[in-house]
Structures are given as C-alpha cells and as structure tokens.
Amino acid sequence: MKKQPNPATIAAHAAGAIDPQSGGVVPALQPSTTYLRDEDYTPIRSDNIYSRDDSDNLRQAALVLQQLEGAADTLLFPSGMAAIAAVFRTLPNRAHVIVQSGIYWGTTAWVRTFCARREITLQEIDADDLAKVIATSDADLVFVETPSNPWLKSVDISLLRGQPDA
C-alpha cells in the first residue's frame, strides 16, 4: 500500500506539480483570466477557457485540496457566497435546514430569502445549542460558519457528526 504524503508536503509541493515551462517544482501562477483562441474562436487549449472554472491553476488547487482532505472530488468557487449558493441550490423545495445564527449578515439575508422562496424550513440556532438540536433533528442540511463572522463563535464540527475529538 502506497504511503500518503504528509499534508504539509502535499501543500508545500502543490501535490507534486511541476511547471513544464520552467521546470519549477511548484506551478507558476497564471494571472490571465482568458486564453488564446484561433481564428474560429476555438480555444488553443480546450481545458483552459476562463480562469474561474477552467485553468491549470484552478485544477492544481483543487487537486491539492482533494489530496489534503482525502476527497473523491473537489469543487472550487470564486467566492464563499457562490459556494454557499451552490450547496443550498441542491436542496429540494420544502427541505429542512439548520443554520448557525450570528454568521455573516450577507449569508443570513441570502439564506432567509432563498428558503422563503423555496418553502424550505429554516431553523437558526445559536452555536452553543447546535449539537443538542442536531441530535434530535431530521434536517437535510446543517450550515455552520466556524469561527463565525463577525462574532468569532466556534463550533466543534466533530460533535455535530457525533464523533467527539480523540
């Protein structure tokens, strides 16, 4: 069985990436947001279209995070709100969600509006009470922000899964 590298090694070496242009042992950062196309407007490299969702840097960052987390796959988003919206949009109408209260106001406002529009039952629970509420809940999604912004409240996520810290 192949030994997994130490997480610090994965992070420091960008999951083993090599920059083919320079031979560097970490990939170069490409600041371009768009890429060259031919006279028919076909991308020269079909895997590099727009840097937010199709670029070497994005794919490498996703690979690093995938290896660090031991994940089957990884998705990166251009902002936290984009990631939050993507997760909430996977919920069916009339779902049930628990959201930590006292989180970033922009998130709270968006979640309230979204849940009302989709007839999703929304429970806003203080960070100190989350584990207790979740233990008796049938929620489809539990959303926490730890540490929260702006109050810096922390939630022990392992307790939410019923797995106390070892």
C-alpha atoms as a PDB file:
ATOM      1  CA  MET A   1       0.000   0.000   0.000  1.00  0.00           C
ATOM      2  CA  LYS A   2       1.414   3.377  -1.034  1.00  0.00           C
ATOM      3  CA  LYS A   3       2.036   5.696   1.901  1.00  0.00           C
ATOM      4  CA  GLN A   4       0.206   9.012   1.685  1.00  0.00           C
ATOM      5  CA  PRO A   5       2.492  12.047   1.864  1.00  0.00           C
ATOM      6  CA  ASN A   6       2.316  14.273   4.913  1.00  0.00           C
ATOM      7  CA  PRO A   7      -0.303  17.062   4.445  1.00  0.00           C
ATOM      8  CA  ALA A   8       2.418  19.690   4.805  1.00  0.00           C
ATOM      9  CA  THR A   9       4.303  18.034   1.935  1.00  0.00           C
ATOM     10  CA  ILE A  10       1.205  17.996  -0.275  1.00  0.00           C
ATOM     11  CA  ALA A  11       0.578  21.680   0.413  1.00  0.00           C
ATOM     12  CA  ALA A  12       4.210  22.799   0.067  1.00  0.00           C
ATOM     13  CA  HIS A  13       4.749  20.926  -3.188  1.00  0.00           C
ATOM     14  CA  ALA A  14       1.332  21.688  -4.725  1.00  0.00           C
ATOM     15  CA  ALA A  15       0.534  17.957  -4.840  1.00  0.00           C
ATOM     16  CA  GLY A  16       3.676  17.258  -6.861  1.00  0.00           C
ATOM     17  CA  ALA A  17       3.042  19.702  -9.687  1.00  0.00           C
ATOM     18  CA  ILE A  18       5.906  20.645 -11.977  1.00  0.00           C
ATOM     19  CA  ASP A  19       5.870  23.772 -14.129  1.00  0.00           C
ATOM     20  CA  PRO A  20       6.706  22.436 -17.625  1.00  0.00           C
ATOM     21  CA  GLN A  21       7.790  25.874 -18.884  1.00  0.00           C
ATOM     22  CA  SER A  22      10.459  26.488 -16.251  1.00  0.00           C
ATOM     23  CA  GLY A  23      10.968  23.095 -14.637  1.00  0.00           C
ATOM     24  CA  GLY A  24       9.974  24.631 -11.289  1.00  0.00           C
ATOM     25  CA  VAL A  25       8.829  22.198  -8.605  1.00  0.00           C
ATOM     26  CA  VAL A  26       5.686  24.233  -7.983  1.00  0.00           C
ATOM     27  CA  PRO A  27       3.351  25.525 -10.673  1.00  0.00           C
ATOM     28  CA  ALA A  28       3.593  29.097 -11.884  1.00  0.00           C
ATOM     29  CA  LEU A  29       0.642  31.332 -11.110  1.00  0.00           C
ATOM     30  CA  GLN A  30      -1.108  32.403 -14.282  1.00  0.00           C
ATOM     31  CA  PRO A  31      -2.784  35.807 -13.830  1.00  0.00           C
ATOM     32  CA  SER A  32      -4.653  35.642 -17.145  1.00  0.00           C
ATOM     33  CA  THR A  33      -8.428  35.321 -16.965  1.00  0.00           C
ATOM     34  CA  THR A  34      -8.981  34.440 -20.613  1.00  0.00           C
ATOM     35  CA  TYR A  35      -6.996  32.334 -23.044  1.00  0.00           C
ATOM     36  CA  LEU A  36      -5.899  32.412 -26.664  1.00  0.00           C
ATOM     37  CA  ARG A  37      -8.309  31.241 -29.347  1.00  0.00           C
ATOM     38  CA  ASP A  38      -7.787  30.519 -33.030  1.00  0.00           C
ATOM     39  CA  GLU A  39      -9.405  32.306 -35.980  1.00  0.00           C
ATOM     40  CA  ASP A  40     -12.619  30.258 -35.464  1.00  0.00           C
ATOM     41  CA  TYR A  41     -12.691  31.318 -31.773  1.00  0.00           C
ATOM     42  CA  THR A  42     -11.798  27.782 -30.657  1.00  0.00           C
ATOM     43  CA  PRO A  43      -9.594  27.727 -27.559  1.00  0.00           C
ATOM     44  CA  ILE A  44      -6.000  26.739 -28.312  1.00  0.00           C
ATOM     45  CA  ARG A  45      -6.210  24.508 -25.217  1.00  0.00           C
ATOM     46  CA  SER A  46      -9.738  23.208 -24.715  1.00  0.00           C
ATOM     47  CA  ASP A  47      -9.154  22.736 -20.970  1.00  0.00           C
ATOM     48  CA  ASN A  48      -8.283  26.434 -20.426  1.00  0.00           C
ATOM     49  CA  ILE A  49     -11.278  28.603 -21.223  1.00  0.00           C
ATOM     50  CA  TYR A  50     -11.791  31.053 -18.356  1.00  0.00           C
ATOM     51  CA  SER A  51      -9.676  31.109 -15.213  1.00  0.00           C
ATOM     52  CA  ARG A  52     -12.509  30.921 -12.693  1.00  0.00           C
ATOM     53  CA  ASP A  53     -13.579  27.475 -13.790  1.00  0.00           C
ATOM     54  CA  ASP A  54     -11.127  26.161 -16.392  1.00  0.00           C
ATOM     55  CA  SER A  55      -7.448  26.817 -15.770  1.00  0.00           C
ATOM     56  CA  ASP A  56      -4.280  24.986 -14.795  1.00  0.00           C
ATOM     57  CA  ASN A  57      -4.087  26.939 -11.523  1.00  0.00           C
ATOM     58  CA  LEU A  58      -7.647  26.076 -10.547  1.00  0.00           C
ATOM     59  CA  ARG A  59      -7.203  22.394 -11.368  1.00  0.00           C
ATOM     60  CA  GLN A  60      -3.960  22.268  -9.361  1.00  0.00           C
ATOM     61  CA  ALA A  61      -5.518  23.983  -6.347  1.00  0.00           C
ATOM     62  CA  ALA A  62      -8.447  21.541  -6.485  1.00  0.00           C
ATOM     63  CA  LEU A  63      -6.032  18.593  -6.624  1.00  0.00           C
ATOM     64  CA  VAL A  64      -4.100  19.865  -3.589  1.00  0.00           C
ATOM     65  CA  LEU A  65      -7.303  20.291  -1.564  1.00  0.00           C
ATOM     66  CA  GLN A  66      -8.618  16.924  -2.741  1.00  0.00           C
ATOM     67  CA  GLN A  67      -5.457  15.189  -1.532  1.00  0.00           C
ATOM     68  CA  LEU A  68      -5.338  17.125   1.748  1.00  0.00           C
ATOM     69  CA  GLU A  69      -8.943  16.219   2.538  1.00  0.00           C
ATOM     70  CA  GLY A  70      -8.827  12.687   1.129  1.00  0.00           C
ATOM     71  CA  ALA A  71     -11.830  13.634  -1.010  1.00  0.00           C
ATOM     72  CA  ALA A  72     -13.172  11.810  -4.042  1.00  0.00           C
ATOM     73  CA  ASP A  73     -13.602  15.129  -5.862  1.00  0.00           C
ATOM     74  CA  THR A  74     -13.257  18.845  -5.263  1.00  0.00           C
ATOM     75  CA  LEU A  75     -15.080  21.940  -6.436  1.00  0.00           C
ATOM     76  CA  LEU A  76     -13.644  25.430  -6.061  1.00  0.00           C
ATOM     77  CA  PHE A  77     -15.730  28.589  -6.243  1.00  0.00           C
ATOM     78  CA  PRO A  78     -14.791  32.227  -6.881  1.00  0.00           C
ATOM     79  CA  SER A  79     -16.335  33.301  -3.562  1.00  0.00           C
ATOM     80  CA  GLY A  80     -17.779  31.930  -0.355  1.00  0.00           C
ATOM     81  CA  MET A  81     -21.261  33.107  -1.326  1.00  0.00           C
ATOM     82  CA  ALA A  82     -21.011  31.242  -4.631  1.00  0.00           C
ATOM     83  CA  ALA A  83     -20.153  28.041  -2.748  1.00  0.00           C
ATOM     84  CA  ILE A  84     -22.977  28.579  -0.242  1.00  0.00           C
ATOM     85  CA  ALA A  85     -25.493  29.228  -3.009  1.00  0.00           C
ATOM     86  CA  ALA A  86     -24.397  26.086  -4.857  1.00  0.00           C
ATOM     87  CA  VAL A  87     -24.908  23.931  -1.757  1.00  0.00           C
ATOM     88  CA  PHE A  88     -28.308  25.420  -0.924  1.00  0.00           C
ATOM     89  CA  ARG A  89     -29.452  25.004  -4.540  1.00  0.00           C
ATOM     90  CA  THR A  90     -29.035  21.229  -4.184  1.00  0.00           C
ATOM     91  CA  LEU A  91     -31.899  21.192  -1.665  1.00  0.00           C
ATOM     92  CA  PRO A  92     -35.377  20.237  -2.825  1.00  0.00           C
ATOM     93  CA  ASN A  93     -38.312  22.556  -2.209  1.00  0.00           C
ATOM     94  CA  ARG A  94     -39.735  22.141   1.310  1.00  0.00           C
ATOM     95  CA  ALA A  95     -36.475  20.781   2.732  1.00  0.00           C
ATOM     96  CA  HIS A  96     -35.409  21.470   6.323  1.00  0.00           C
ATOM     97  CA  VAL A  97     -32.168  23.308   7.133  1.00  0.00           C
ATOM     98  CA  ILE A  98     -30.435  24.320  10.332  1.00  0.00           C
ATOM     99  CA  VAL A  99     -28.239  27.389  10.100  1.00  0.00           C
ATOM    100  CA  GLN A 100     -25.996  28.737  12.822  1.00  0.00           C
ATOM    101  CA  SER A 101     -27.190  32.162  13.933  1.00  0.00           C
ATOM    102  CA  GLY A 102     -24.814  35.086  14.191  1.00  0.00           C
ATOM    103  CA  ILE A 103     -22.948  34.383  10.960  1.00  0.00           C
ATOM    104  CA  TYR A 104     -22.000  36.798   8.182  1.00  0.00           C
ATOM    105  CA  TRP A 105     -25.037  39.019   7.563  1.00  0.00           C
ATOM    106  CA  GLY A 106     -24.885  38.687   3.779  1.00  0.00           C
ATOM    107  CA  THR A 107     -25.165  34.914   4.146  1.00  0.00           C
ATOM    108  CA  THR A 108     -28.016  35.152   6.641  1.00  0.00           C
ATOM    109  CA  ALA A 109     -30.007  37.539   4.446  1.00  0.00           C
ATOM    110  CA  TRP A 110     -29.475  35.432   1.312  1.00  0.00           C
ATOM    111  CA  VAL A 111     -30.366  32.158   3.091  1.00  0.00           C
ATOM    112  CA  ARG A 112     -33.562  33.642   4.567  1.00  0.00           C
ATOM    113  CA  THR A 113     -34.709  34.901   1.161  1.00  0.00           C
ATOM    114  CA  PHE A 114     -33.769  31.686  -0.620  1.00  0.00           C
ATOM    115  CA  CYS A 115     -35.503  29.468   1.957  1.00  0.00           C
ATOM    116  CA  ALA A 116     -38.678  31.563   1.891  1.00  0.00           C
ATOM    117  CA  ARG A 117     -38.808  31.424  -1.918  1.00  0.00           C
ATOM    118  CA  ARG A 118     -38.290  27.640  -1.982  1.00  0.00           C
ATOM    119  CA  GLU A 119     -40.566  26.915   1.024  1.00  0.00           C
ATOM    120  CA  ILE A 120     -37.583  25.491   2.923  1.00  0.00           C
ATOM    121  CA  THR A 121     -37.981  25.262   6.691  1.00  0.00           C
ATOM    122  CA  LEU A 122     -35.190  27.319   8.228  1.00  0.00           C
ATOM    123  CA  GLN A 123     -34.064  26.933  11.836  1.00  0.00           C
ATOM    124  CA  GLU A 124     -31.498  29.470  13.022  1.00  0.00           C
ATOM    125  CA  ILE A 125     -29.725  28.079  16.097  1.00  0.00           C
ATOM    126  CA  ASP A 126     -27.045  29.598  18.331  1.00  0.00           C
ATOM    127  CA  ALA A 127     -23.635  27.922  18.032  1.00  0.00           C
ATOM    128  CA  ASP A 128     -23.776  26.789  21.670  1.00  0.00           C
ATOM    129  CA  ASP A 129     -27.001  24.837  21.060  1.00  0.00           C
ATOM    130  CA  LEU A 130     -26.240  23.285  17.663  1.00  0.00           C
ATOM    131  CA  ALA A 131     -25.100  19.823  18.800  1.00  0.00           C
ATOM    132  CA  LYS A 132     -28.149  19.429  21.041  1.00  0.00           C
ATOM    133  CA  VAL A 133     -30.606  20.483  18.321  1.00  0.00           C
ATOM    134  CA  ILE A 134     -28.981  18.427  15.584  1.00  0.00           C
ATOM    135  CA  ALA A 135     -29.093  15.268  17.710  1.00  0.00           C
ATOM    136  CA  THR A 136     -32.901  15.336  17.564  1.00  0.00           C
ATOM    137  CA  SER A 137     -33.320  16.782  14.085  1.00  0.00           C
ATOM    138  CA  ASP A 138     -34.096  15.402  10.654  1.00  0.00           C
ATOM    139  CA  ALA A 139     -32.513  18.365   8.864  1.00  0.00           C
ATOM    140  CA  ASP A 140     -31.469  17.944   5.236  1.00  0.00           C
ATOM    141  CA  LEU A 141     -28.576  20.375   5.718  1.00  0.00           C
ATOM    142  CA  VAL A 142     -26.720  21.864   8.665  1.00  0.00           C
ATOM    143  CA  PHE A 143     -24.776  25.022   7.847  1.00  0.00           C
ATOM    144  CA  VAL A 144     -22.149  26.401  10.228  1.00  0.00           C
ATOM    145  CA  GLU A 145     -19.501  29.071   9.909  1.00  0.00           C
ATOM    146  CA  THR A 146     -16.624  28.484  12.281  1.00  0.00           C
ATOM    147  CA  PRO A 147     -15.298  30.749  13.507  1.00  0.00           C
ATOM    148  CA  SER A 148     -18.295  32.894  12.716  1.00  0.00           C
ATOM    149  CA  ASN A 149     -18.044  36.344  11.178  1.00  0.00           C
ATOM    150  CA  PRO A 150     -18.220  38.764  12.968  1.00  0.00           C
ATOM    151  CA  TRP A 151     -18.750  37.181  16.402  1.00  0.00           C
ATOM    152  CA  LEU A 152     -15.958  34.556  16.166  1.00  0.00           C
ATOM    153  CA  LYS A 153     -18.143  31.849  17.698  1.00  0.00           C
ATOM    154  CA  SER A 154     -16.632  28.415  17.237  1.00  0.00           C
ATOM    155  CA  VAL A 155     -18.440  25.160  16.578  1.00  0.00           C
ATOM    156  CA  ASP A 156     -16.821  21.767  17.159  1.00  0.00           C
ATOM    157  CA  ILE A 157     -17.890  20.166  13.889  1.00  0.00           C
ATOM    158  CA  SER A 158     -16.899  16.683  15.082  1.00  0.00           C
ATOM    159  CA  LEU A 159     -19.583  16.932  17.801  1.00  0.00           C
ATOM    160  CA  LEU A 160     -22.178  17.737  15.141  1.00  0.00           C
ATOM    161  CA  ARG A 161     -21.349  14.429  13.469  1.00  0.00           C
ATOM    162  CA  GLY A 162     -21.457  12.606  16.799  1.00  0.00           C
ATOM    163  CA  GLN A 163     -17.709  11.976  16.741  1.00  0.00           C
ATOM    164  CA  PRO A 164     -16.064  13.674  19.731  1.00  0.00           C
ATOM    165  CA  ASP A 165     -12.442  14.667  19.331  1.00  0.00           C
ATOM    166  CA  ALA A 166      -9.979  11.834  20.002  1.00  0.00           C
END
